[in-house]
C-alpha cells in the first residue's frame, strides 16, 4: 500500500491519478453495458457518457501535465465498489426493464460520487494556484451533474410509461 500524502500537492496528484484510473474503468464498463440495455434511450445515454468520459480523461491528463506528474495509482475503494456492482448487473439475466432500472440507479450513484471528487479536486487546484486545472476540473464536475440529471430524466421516461395503467 502506498503511503498517505500529507501535503496538499501530493494529495492532489494522488487523487487526480486515482480519478484517472477510475474514469478509464468507467468508460470501459459503460461501453460494455450499452449494448446490454433494454431501452434505446439508456443505450444512447451510456454511449454518450463513455464518450464524455474520454474528454474527462484528457482533462485529468492535462492537469497532471501541468504539474509534470506521471504517478500511477489504484482506484478508490468507493469506485471499486461501484464498478463491482456494475459487473454484477452486467452478468445478470438478459436485457429487461428491471436491468435498465438497476443500471440507471448505479450510474446515478457513480455520477454523484464523481461530482464530489471533481469538486474537491477543483478546490485543491484553486488553493494550489492551478487555475487552468481548476477550470478543467470544474467543467468535468458540471458534465457529471448534467449526466446525473439526464439519467434521472431517463428513469422517469422508463418508469412512468410502465406505471401509466396502474392505479394507486
N, C-alpha and C. Protein backbone atom coordinates (compact mmCIF):
# COMPACT_ATOMS: atom_id res chain seq x y z
N UNK A 1 0.84 -1.18 0.00
CA UNK A 1 0.00 0.00 0.00
C UNK A 1 0.89 1.24 0.00
N UNK A 2 0.50 2.22 -0.80
CA UNK A 2 1.27 3.46 -0.90
C UNK A 2 1.10 4.29 0.36
N UNK A 3 2.15 5.03 0.75
CA UNK A 3 2.00 5.92 1.91
C UNK A 3 1.01 7.04 1.61
N UNK A 4 0.36 7.51 2.65
CA UNK A 4 -0.62 8.59 2.51
C UNK A 4 0.13 9.92 2.40
N UNK A 5 -0.26 10.72 1.41
CA UNK A 5 0.34 12.05 1.26
C UNK A 5 -0.28 13.01 2.26
N UNK A 6 0.57 13.78 2.93
CA UNK A 6 0.06 14.76 3.88
C UNK A 6 0.12 16.17 3.32
N UNK A 7 0.93 16.38 2.28
CA UNK A 7 0.97 17.71 1.68
C UNK A 7 -0.12 17.82 0.63
N UNK A 8 -0.67 19.01 0.47
CA UNK A 8 -1.82 19.21 -0.42
C UNK A 8 -1.49 18.85 -1.86
N UNK A 9 -0.33 19.25 -2.36
CA UNK A 9 0.01 18.95 -3.75
C UNK A 9 0.14 17.44 -3.96
N UNK A 10 0.74 16.76 -3.00
CA UNK A 10 0.87 15.30 -3.11
C UNK A 10 -0.49 14.63 -3.09
N UNK A 11 -1.36 15.09 -2.20
CA UNK A 11 -2.71 14.55 -2.11
C UNK A 11 -3.49 14.83 -3.40
N UNK A 12 -3.33 16.03 -3.90
CA UNK A 12 -3.99 16.43 -5.15
C UNK A 12 -3.57 15.51 -6.30
N UNK A 13 -2.28 15.29 -6.44
CA UNK A 13 -1.78 14.42 -7.51
C UNK A 13 -2.25 12.98 -7.33
N UNK A 14 -2.25 12.52 -6.08
CA UNK A 14 -2.71 11.16 -5.81
C UNK A 14 -4.19 11.01 -6.19
N UNK A 15 -5.01 11.98 -5.81
CA UNK A 15 -6.44 11.92 -6.12
C UNK A 15 -6.69 12.04 -7.63
N UNK A 16 -5.91 12.89 -8.30
CA UNK A 16 -6.03 13.00 -9.76
C UNK A 16 -5.76 11.66 -10.42
N UNK A 17 -4.71 11.01 -9.97
CA UNK A 17 -4.32 9.74 -10.56
C UNK A 17 -5.36 8.66 -10.29
N UNK A 18 -5.89 8.63 -9.09
CA UNK A 18 -6.96 7.68 -8.78
C UNK A 18 -8.18 7.93 -9.67
N UNK A 19 -8.52 9.20 -9.83
CA UNK A 19 -9.66 9.55 -10.67
C UNK A 19 -9.43 9.14 -12.12
N UNK A 20 -8.23 9.35 -12.60
CA UNK A 20 -7.89 8.96 -13.97
C UNK A 20 -8.12 7.46 -14.17
N UNK A 21 -7.62 6.66 -13.24
CA UNK A 21 -7.81 5.20 -13.34
C UNK A 21 -9.29 4.83 -13.29
N UNK A 22 -10.03 5.48 -12.41
CA UNK A 22 -11.47 5.21 -12.29
C UNK A 22 -12.21 5.57 -13.57
N UNK A 23 -11.90 6.73 -14.13
CA UNK A 23 -12.58 7.18 -15.35
C UNK A 23 -12.34 6.19 -16.49
N UNK A 24 -11.14 5.68 -16.59
CA UNK A 24 -10.84 4.69 -17.64
C UNK A 24 -11.68 3.44 -17.45
N UNK A 25 -11.81 3.01 -16.21
CA UNK A 25 -12.60 1.80 -15.93
C UNK A 25 -14.10 2.06 -16.16
N UNK A 26 -14.58 3.23 -15.79
CA UNK A 26 -15.99 3.55 -16.04
C UNK A 26 -16.27 3.60 -17.55
N UNK A 27 -15.36 4.18 -18.31
CA UNK A 27 -15.55 4.26 -19.77
C UNK A 27 -15.69 2.85 -20.36
N UNK A 28 -14.83 1.94 -19.95
CA UNK A 28 -14.91 0.56 -20.46
C UNK A 28 -16.21 -0.11 -20.02
N UNK A 29 -16.59 0.11 -18.77
CA UNK A 29 -17.82 -0.51 -18.26
C UNK A 29 -19.05 0.01 -18.99
N UNK A 30 -19.11 1.32 -19.22
CA UNK A 30 -20.27 1.88 -19.92
C UNK A 30 -20.33 1.37 -21.36
N UNK A 31 -19.18 1.24 -22.00
CA UNK A 31 -19.15 0.69 -23.37
C UNK A 31 -19.72 -0.72 -23.40
N UNK A 32 -19.38 -1.52 -22.39
CA UNK A 32 -19.86 -2.90 -22.34
C UNK A 32 -21.33 -2.99 -21.94
N UNK A 33 -21.80 -2.04 -21.13
CA UNK A 33 -23.19 -2.05 -20.68
C UNK A 33 -24.16 -1.57 -21.77
N UNK A 34 -23.71 -0.64 -22.59
CA UNK A 34 -24.61 -0.03 -23.58
C UNK A 34 -25.36 -1.07 -24.42
N UNK A 35 -24.68 -2.03 -25.04
CA UNK A 35 -25.43 -2.99 -25.87
C UNK A 35 -26.35 -3.91 -25.07
N UNK A 36 -26.16 -4.00 -23.76
CA UNK A 36 -26.98 -4.86 -22.92
C UNK A 36 -28.25 -4.17 -22.44
N UNK A 37 -28.38 -2.88 -22.74
CA UNK A 37 -29.53 -2.11 -22.28
C UNK A 37 -30.79 -2.53 -23.02
N UNK A 38 -31.88 -2.52 -22.30
CA UNK A 38 -33.18 -2.90 -22.85
C UNK A 38 -33.77 -1.76 -23.68
N UNK A 39 -33.60 -0.53 -23.21
CA UNK A 39 -34.19 0.61 -23.91
C UNK A 39 -33.12 1.36 -24.71
N UNK A 40 -33.54 1.85 -25.83
CA UNK A 40 -32.63 2.62 -26.70
C UNK A 40 -32.14 3.89 -26.02
N UNK A 41 -33.02 4.50 -25.25
CA UNK A 41 -32.67 5.75 -24.58
C UNK A 41 -31.50 5.56 -23.61
N UNK A 42 -31.52 4.47 -22.84
CA UNK A 42 -30.42 4.20 -21.93
C UNK A 42 -29.17 3.83 -22.70
N UNK A 43 -29.32 3.04 -23.74
CA UNK A 43 -28.17 2.66 -24.57
C UNK A 43 -27.48 3.90 -25.11
N UNK A 44 -28.25 4.83 -25.62
CA UNK A 44 -27.71 6.07 -26.16
C UNK A 44 -27.01 6.89 -25.07
N UNK A 45 -27.61 6.94 -23.88
CA UNK A 45 -27.01 7.70 -22.78
C UNK A 45 -25.68 7.11 -22.36
N UNK A 46 -25.59 5.79 -22.31
CA UNK A 46 -24.34 5.15 -21.91
C UNK A 46 -23.24 5.36 -22.94
N UNK A 47 -23.59 5.35 -24.21
CA UNK A 47 -22.60 5.59 -25.26
C UNK A 47 -22.09 7.03 -25.18
N UNK A 48 -23.01 7.99 -25.01
CA UNK A 48 -22.57 9.39 -24.93
C UNK A 48 -21.80 9.63 -23.63
N UNK A 49 -22.17 8.95 -22.55
CA UNK A 49 -21.44 9.10 -21.28
C UNK A 49 -20.02 8.58 -21.43
N UNK A 50 -19.85 7.46 -22.12
CA UNK A 50 -18.48 6.93 -22.28
C UNK A 50 -17.66 7.83 -23.18
N UNK A 51 -18.30 8.49 -24.15
CA UNK A 51 -17.59 9.44 -24.99
C UNK A 51 -17.15 10.65 -24.17
N UNK A 52 -18.04 11.14 -23.31
CA UNK A 52 -17.70 12.27 -22.45
C UNK A 52 -16.60 11.90 -21.47
N UNK A 53 -16.58 10.65 -21.05
CA UNK A 53 -15.53 10.20 -20.13
C UNK A 53 -14.15 10.33 -20.79
N UNK A 54 -14.09 10.15 -22.09
CA UNK A 54 -12.81 10.33 -22.78
C UNK A 54 -12.33 11.77 -22.65
N UNK A 55 -13.25 12.71 -22.71
CA UNK A 55 -12.89 14.12 -22.51
C UNK A 55 -12.39 14.34 -21.08
N UNK A 56 -13.03 13.70 -20.12
CA UNK A 56 -12.62 13.83 -18.73
C UNK A 56 -11.21 13.26 -18.53
N UNK A 57 -10.95 12.14 -19.16
CA UNK A 57 -9.62 11.52 -19.08
C UNK A 57 -8.57 12.47 -19.63
N UNK A 58 -8.87 13.09 -20.76
CA UNK A 58 -7.93 14.05 -21.36
C UNK A 58 -7.72 15.25 -20.44
N UNK A 59 -8.78 15.72 -19.79
CA UNK A 59 -8.65 16.86 -18.88
C UNK A 59 -7.78 16.50 -17.67
N UNK A 60 -7.99 15.31 -17.12
CA UNK A 60 -7.19 14.89 -15.97
C UNK A 60 -5.72 14.79 -16.38
N UNK A 61 -5.48 14.23 -17.55
CA UNK A 61 -4.09 14.13 -18.03
C UNK A 61 -3.46 15.51 -18.20
N UNK A 62 -4.26 16.47 -18.66
CA UNK A 62 -3.75 17.85 -18.78
C UNK A 62 -3.41 18.41 -17.40
N UNK A 63 -4.26 18.13 -16.41
CA UNK A 63 -3.99 18.61 -15.04
C UNK A 63 -2.70 18.00 -14.51
N UNK A 64 -2.48 16.72 -14.80
CA UNK A 64 -1.25 16.06 -14.36
C UNK A 64 -0.03 16.68 -15.06
N UNK A 65 -0.18 16.96 -16.34
CA UNK A 65 0.94 17.53 -17.10
C UNK A 65 1.32 18.91 -16.58
N UNK A 66 0.34 19.66 -16.09
CA UNK A 66 0.64 20.98 -15.55
C UNK A 66 1.60 20.90 -14.37
N UNK A 67 1.54 19.79 -13.65
CA UNK A 67 2.45 19.59 -12.52
C UNK A 67 3.53 18.55 -12.84
N UNK A 68 3.61 18.19 -14.12
CA UNK A 68 4.60 17.23 -14.59
C UNK A 68 4.60 15.93 -13.79
N UNK A 69 3.41 15.41 -13.58
CA UNK A 69 3.26 14.17 -12.80
C UNK A 69 2.98 13.00 -13.73
N UNK A 70 3.63 11.88 -13.44
CA UNK A 70 3.37 10.64 -14.18
C UNK A 70 3.09 9.52 -13.19
N UNK A 71 2.55 9.89 -12.06
CA UNK A 71 2.25 8.96 -10.98
C UNK A 71 1.16 7.99 -11.43
N UNK A 72 1.17 6.79 -10.88
CA UNK A 72 0.09 5.84 -11.13
C UNK A 72 -0.49 5.43 -9.78
N UNK A 73 -1.74 5.04 -9.78
CA UNK A 73 -2.40 4.69 -8.53
C UNK A 73 -3.53 3.72 -8.79
N UNK A 74 -4.03 3.15 -7.71
CA UNK A 74 -5.20 2.29 -7.78
C UNK A 74 -6.43 3.17 -7.62
N UNK A 75 -7.56 2.62 -8.04
CA UNK A 75 -8.80 3.36 -7.88
C UNK A 75 -9.20 3.39 -6.41
N UNK A 76 -10.09 4.31 -6.06
CA UNK A 76 -10.54 4.42 -4.68
C UNK A 76 -11.45 3.24 -4.32
N UNK A 77 -11.64 3.03 -3.04
CA UNK A 77 -12.50 1.95 -2.56
C UNK A 77 -13.95 2.16 -3.01
N UNK A 78 -14.38 3.41 -3.04
CA UNK A 78 -15.75 3.71 -3.48
C UNK A 78 -15.93 3.33 -4.95
N UNK A 79 -14.96 3.74 -5.79
CA UNK A 79 -15.06 3.42 -7.21
C UNK A 79 -14.99 1.91 -7.44
N UNK A 80 -14.17 1.22 -6.67
CA UNK A 80 -14.07 -0.23 -6.79
C UNK A 80 -15.42 -0.87 -6.49
N UNK A 81 -16.06 -0.42 -5.44
CA UNK A 81 -17.37 -0.94 -5.06
C UNK A 81 -18.41 -0.68 -6.17
N UNK A 82 -18.44 0.54 -6.68
CA UNK A 82 -19.40 0.87 -7.74
C UNK A 82 -19.14 0.06 -9.01
N UNK A 83 -17.87 -0.13 -9.35
CA UNK A 83 -17.53 -0.93 -10.53
C UNK A 83 -17.91 -2.40 -10.33
N UNK A 84 -17.74 -2.91 -9.12
CA UNK A 84 -18.15 -4.29 -8.82
C UNK A 84 -19.65 -4.47 -8.99
N UNK A 85 -20.41 -3.48 -8.56
CA UNK A 85 -21.87 -3.55 -8.72
C UNK A 85 -22.23 -3.54 -10.21
N UNK A 86 -21.54 -2.69 -10.99
CA UNK A 86 -21.78 -2.68 -12.44
C UNK A 86 -21.52 -4.05 -13.05
N UNK A 87 -20.45 -4.70 -12.63
CA UNK A 87 -20.13 -6.05 -13.14
C UNK A 87 -21.23 -7.03 -12.79
N UNK A 88 -21.74 -6.95 -11.58
CA UNK A 88 -22.83 -7.84 -11.16
C UNK A 88 -24.06 -7.62 -12.02
N UNK A 89 -24.40 -6.37 -12.27
CA UNK A 89 -25.57 -6.06 -13.09
C UNK A 89 -25.35 -6.58 -14.51
N UNK A 90 -24.15 -6.40 -15.02
CA UNK A 90 -23.82 -6.83 -16.37
C UNK A 90 -24.00 -8.34 -16.52
N UNK A 91 -23.65 -9.09 -15.48
CA UNK A 91 -23.70 -10.55 -15.57
C UNK A 91 -25.08 -11.13 -15.27
N UNK A 92 -26.01 -10.30 -14.83
CA UNK A 92 -27.36 -10.81 -14.54
C UNK A 92 -28.10 -11.04 -15.84
N UNK A 93 -29.20 -11.66 -15.73
CA UNK A 93 -30.06 -12.04 -16.84
C UNK A 93 -30.00 -11.14 -18.07
N UNK A 94 -30.74 -11.53 -19.05
CA UNK A 94 -30.79 -10.77 -20.30
C UNK A 94 -31.37 -9.37 -20.08
N UNK A 95 -31.32 -8.57 -21.12
CA UNK A 95 -31.83 -7.21 -21.06
C UNK A 95 -33.30 -7.21 -20.64
N UNK A 96 -33.63 -6.30 -19.75
CA UNK A 96 -35.01 -6.17 -19.28
C UNK A 96 -35.18 -4.78 -18.71
N UNK A 97 -36.41 -4.44 -18.46
CA UNK A 97 -36.72 -3.15 -17.86
C UNK A 97 -36.09 -3.06 -16.46
N UNK A 98 -36.18 -4.14 -15.69
CA UNK A 98 -35.59 -4.15 -14.36
C UNK A 98 -34.07 -3.95 -14.43
N UNK A 99 -33.43 -4.58 -15.39
CA UNK A 99 -31.97 -4.42 -15.54
C UNK A 99 -31.64 -2.96 -15.87
N UNK A 100 -32.42 -2.34 -16.74
CA UNK A 100 -32.20 -0.92 -17.07
C UNK A 100 -32.35 -0.04 -15.83
N UNK A 101 -33.36 -0.33 -15.01
CA UNK A 101 -33.56 0.46 -13.80
C UNK A 101 -32.36 0.29 -12.86
N UNK A 102 -31.86 -0.94 -12.75
CA UNK A 102 -30.67 -1.17 -11.92
C UNK A 102 -29.45 -0.44 -12.48
N UNK A 103 -29.28 -0.45 -13.78
CA UNK A 103 -28.17 0.27 -14.42
C UNK A 103 -28.30 1.76 -14.13
N UNK A 104 -29.51 2.28 -14.30
CA UNK A 104 -29.74 3.71 -14.04
C UNK A 104 -29.42 4.08 -12.60
N UNK A 105 -29.84 3.26 -11.67
CA UNK A 105 -29.60 3.56 -10.25
C UNK A 105 -28.11 3.60 -9.94
N UNK A 106 -27.35 2.61 -10.39
CA UNK A 106 -25.92 2.60 -10.06
C UNK A 106 -25.19 3.70 -10.82
N UNK A 107 -25.59 3.99 -12.05
CA UNK A 107 -24.95 5.07 -12.80
C UNK A 107 -25.22 6.42 -12.14
N UNK A 108 -26.40 6.60 -11.57
CA UNK A 108 -26.69 7.84 -10.85
C UNK A 108 -25.78 7.97 -9.64
N UNK A 109 -25.53 6.86 -8.94
CA UNK A 109 -24.59 6.88 -7.81
C UNK A 109 -23.17 7.22 -8.29
N UNK A 110 -22.80 6.65 -9.42
CA UNK A 110 -21.46 6.91 -9.97
C UNK A 110 -21.28 8.39 -10.29
N UNK A 111 -22.24 8.97 -10.98
CA UNK A 111 -22.11 10.38 -11.35
C UNK A 111 -22.14 11.30 -10.12
N UNK A 112 -22.93 10.94 -9.12
CA UNK A 112 -22.95 11.73 -7.88
C UNK A 112 -21.58 11.68 -7.20
N UNK A 113 -21.00 10.50 -7.12
CA UNK A 113 -19.67 10.35 -6.50
C UNK A 113 -18.62 11.13 -7.29
N UNK A 114 -18.71 11.07 -8.61
CA UNK A 114 -17.72 11.77 -9.44
C UNK A 114 -17.85 13.28 -9.30
N UNK A 115 -19.05 13.79 -9.17
CA UNK A 115 -19.22 15.24 -8.97
C UNK A 115 -18.48 15.66 -7.71
N UNK A 116 -18.63 14.91 -6.65
CA UNK A 116 -17.96 15.22 -5.38
C UNK A 116 -16.45 15.24 -5.55
N UNK A 117 -15.90 14.22 -6.20
CA UNK A 117 -14.45 14.14 -6.39
C UNK A 117 -13.96 15.30 -7.24
N UNK A 118 -14.63 15.57 -8.35
CA UNK A 118 -14.21 16.68 -9.22
C UNK A 118 -14.28 18.02 -8.49
N UNK A 119 -15.33 18.23 -7.71
CA UNK A 119 -15.44 19.49 -6.98
C UNK A 119 -14.33 19.64 -5.94
N UNK A 120 -14.01 18.55 -5.24
CA UNK A 120 -12.93 18.59 -4.26
C UNK A 120 -11.58 18.85 -4.94
N UNK A 121 -11.35 18.21 -6.06
CA UNK A 121 -10.10 18.43 -6.79
C UNK A 121 -10.02 19.86 -7.33
N UNK A 122 -11.15 20.39 -7.75
CA UNK A 122 -11.19 21.78 -8.22
C UNK A 122 -10.77 22.72 -7.09
N UNK A 123 -11.29 22.49 -5.90
CA UNK A 123 -10.92 23.33 -4.75
C UNK A 123 -9.43 23.21 -4.44
N UNK A 124 -8.91 21.99 -4.51
CA UNK A 124 -7.47 21.81 -4.28
C UNK A 124 -6.66 22.56 -5.32
N UNK A 125 -7.08 22.46 -6.58
CA UNK A 125 -6.36 23.14 -7.66
C UNK A 125 -6.38 24.65 -7.43
N UNK A 126 -7.49 25.17 -6.99
CA UNK A 126 -7.58 26.62 -6.72
C UNK A 126 -6.60 27.03 -5.62
N UNK A 127 -6.55 26.24 -4.55
CA UNK A 127 -5.63 26.55 -3.45
C UNK A 127 -4.17 26.46 -3.92
N UNK A 128 -3.90 25.50 -4.82
CA UNK A 128 -2.54 25.32 -5.35
C UNK A 128 -2.22 26.29 -6.49
N UNK A 129 -3.14 27.22 -6.76
CA UNK A 129 -2.97 28.22 -7.82
C UNK A 129 -2.83 27.57 -9.20
N UNK A 130 -3.53 26.48 -9.39
CA UNK A 130 -3.59 25.79 -10.67
C UNK A 130 -4.90 26.18 -11.35
N UNK A 131 -4.96 27.42 -11.82
CA UNK A 131 -6.21 27.97 -12.33
C UNK A 131 -6.75 27.22 -13.55
N UNK A 132 -5.87 26.85 -14.47
CA UNK A 132 -6.32 26.13 -15.65
C UNK A 132 -6.86 24.75 -15.25
N UNK A 133 -6.17 24.08 -14.35
CA UNK A 133 -6.63 22.78 -13.87
C UNK A 133 -7.98 22.92 -13.17
N UNK A 134 -8.15 23.97 -12.37
CA UNK A 134 -9.42 24.20 -11.67
C UNK A 134 -10.56 24.37 -12.68
N UNK A 135 -10.29 25.07 -13.76
CA UNK A 135 -11.29 25.26 -14.81
C UNK A 135 -11.66 23.91 -15.45
N UNK A 136 -10.66 23.11 -15.79
CA UNK A 136 -10.91 21.80 -16.40
C UNK A 136 -11.70 20.89 -15.47
N UNK A 137 -11.31 20.88 -14.20
CA UNK A 137 -12.00 20.03 -13.23
C UNK A 137 -13.42 20.52 -12.99
N UNK A 138 -13.63 21.82 -12.99
CA UNK A 138 -14.98 22.38 -12.86
C UNK A 138 -15.87 21.99 -14.02
N UNK A 139 -15.29 22.00 -15.24
CA UNK A 139 -16.05 21.58 -16.42
C UNK A 139 -16.50 20.12 -16.30
N UNK A 140 -15.58 19.28 -15.82
CA UNK A 140 -15.92 17.87 -15.66
C UNK A 140 -16.96 17.67 -14.56
N UNK A 141 -16.88 18.45 -13.49
CA UNK A 141 -17.90 18.37 -12.43
C UNK A 141 -19.27 18.73 -13.01
N UNK A 142 -19.32 19.78 -13.81
CA UNK A 142 -20.59 20.19 -14.43
C UNK A 142 -21.10 19.13 -15.40
N UNK A 143 -20.21 18.54 -16.19
CA UNK A 143 -20.62 17.46 -17.10
C UNK A 143 -21.27 16.32 -16.33
N UNK A 144 -20.66 15.96 -15.21
CA UNK A 144 -21.19 14.86 -14.42
C UNK A 144 -22.53 15.21 -13.78
N UNK A 145 -22.70 16.46 -13.37
CA UNK A 145 -24.01 16.90 -12.85
C UNK A 145 -25.07 16.80 -13.94
N UNK A 146 -24.71 17.21 -15.15
CA UNK A 146 -25.64 17.13 -16.27
C UNK A 146 -25.97 15.68 -16.62
N UNK A 147 -24.96 14.80 -16.57
CA UNK A 147 -25.21 13.38 -16.84
C UNK A 147 -26.15 12.79 -15.80
N UNK A 148 -25.95 13.16 -14.55
CA UNK A 148 -26.83 12.68 -13.49
C UNK A 148 -28.27 13.13 -13.77
N UNK A 149 -28.45 14.40 -14.08
CA UNK A 149 -29.79 14.93 -14.35
C UNK A 149 -30.43 14.22 -15.55
N UNK A 150 -29.62 13.93 -16.57
CA UNK A 150 -30.13 13.22 -17.75
C UNK A 150 -30.58 11.81 -17.38
N UNK A 151 -29.82 11.14 -16.53
CA UNK A 151 -30.20 9.79 -16.11
C UNK A 151 -31.48 9.80 -15.27
N UNK A 152 -31.67 10.84 -14.47
CA UNK A 152 -32.92 10.97 -13.70
C UNK A 152 -34.09 11.13 -14.68
N UNK A 153 -33.88 11.93 -15.72
CA UNK A 153 -34.92 12.11 -16.73
C UNK A 153 -35.23 10.78 -17.43
N UNK A 154 -34.20 10.05 -17.79
CA UNK A 154 -34.40 8.75 -18.44
C UNK A 154 -35.15 7.79 -17.51
N UNK A 155 -34.81 7.83 -16.22
CA UNK A 155 -35.52 6.98 -15.25
C UNK A 155 -37.02 7.26 -15.30
N UNK A 156 -37.35 8.54 -15.32
CA UNK A 156 -38.77 8.90 -15.41
C UNK A 156 -39.40 8.41 -16.70
N UNK A 157 -38.68 8.55 -17.80
CA UNK A 157 -39.21 8.12 -19.10
C UNK A 157 -39.43 6.61 -19.14
N UNK A 158 -38.57 5.86 -18.47
CA UNK A 158 -38.67 4.40 -18.49
C UNK A 158 -39.71 3.92 -17.49
N UNK A 159 -39.71 4.50 -16.31
CA UNK A 159 -40.59 4.00 -15.24
C UNK A 159 -42.03 4.48 -15.42
N UNK A 160 -42.24 5.76 -15.69
CA UNK A 160 -43.61 6.29 -15.74
C UNK A 160 -44.47 5.66 -16.84
N UNK A 161 -43.96 5.47 -18.05
CA UNK A 161 -44.83 4.81 -19.04
C UNK A 161 -45.25 3.42 -18.60
N UNK A 162 -44.42 2.74 -17.84
CA UNK A 162 -44.74 1.40 -17.38
C UNK A 162 -45.80 1.40 -16.28
N UNK A 163 -45.93 2.52 -15.56
CA UNK A 163 -46.91 2.59 -14.47
C UNK A 163 -48.15 3.38 -14.85
N UNK A 164 -48.24 3.81 -16.10
CA UNK A 164 -49.37 4.65 -16.52
C UNK A 164 -50.71 3.94 -16.34
N UNK A 165 -50.75 2.62 -16.53
CA UNK A 165 -52.01 1.89 -16.42
C UNK A 165 -52.31 1.41 -15.01
N UNK A 166 -51.41 1.67 -14.08
CA UNK A 166 -51.60 1.20 -12.71
C UNK A 166 -52.21 2.30 -11.87
N UNK A 167 -53.30 2.00 -11.19
CA UNK A 167 -53.91 2.99 -10.32
C UNK A 167 -53.43 2.78 -8.90
N UNK A 168 -53.23 3.90 -8.17
CA UNK A 168 -52.75 3.77 -6.79
C UNK A 168 -53.88 3.58 -5.82
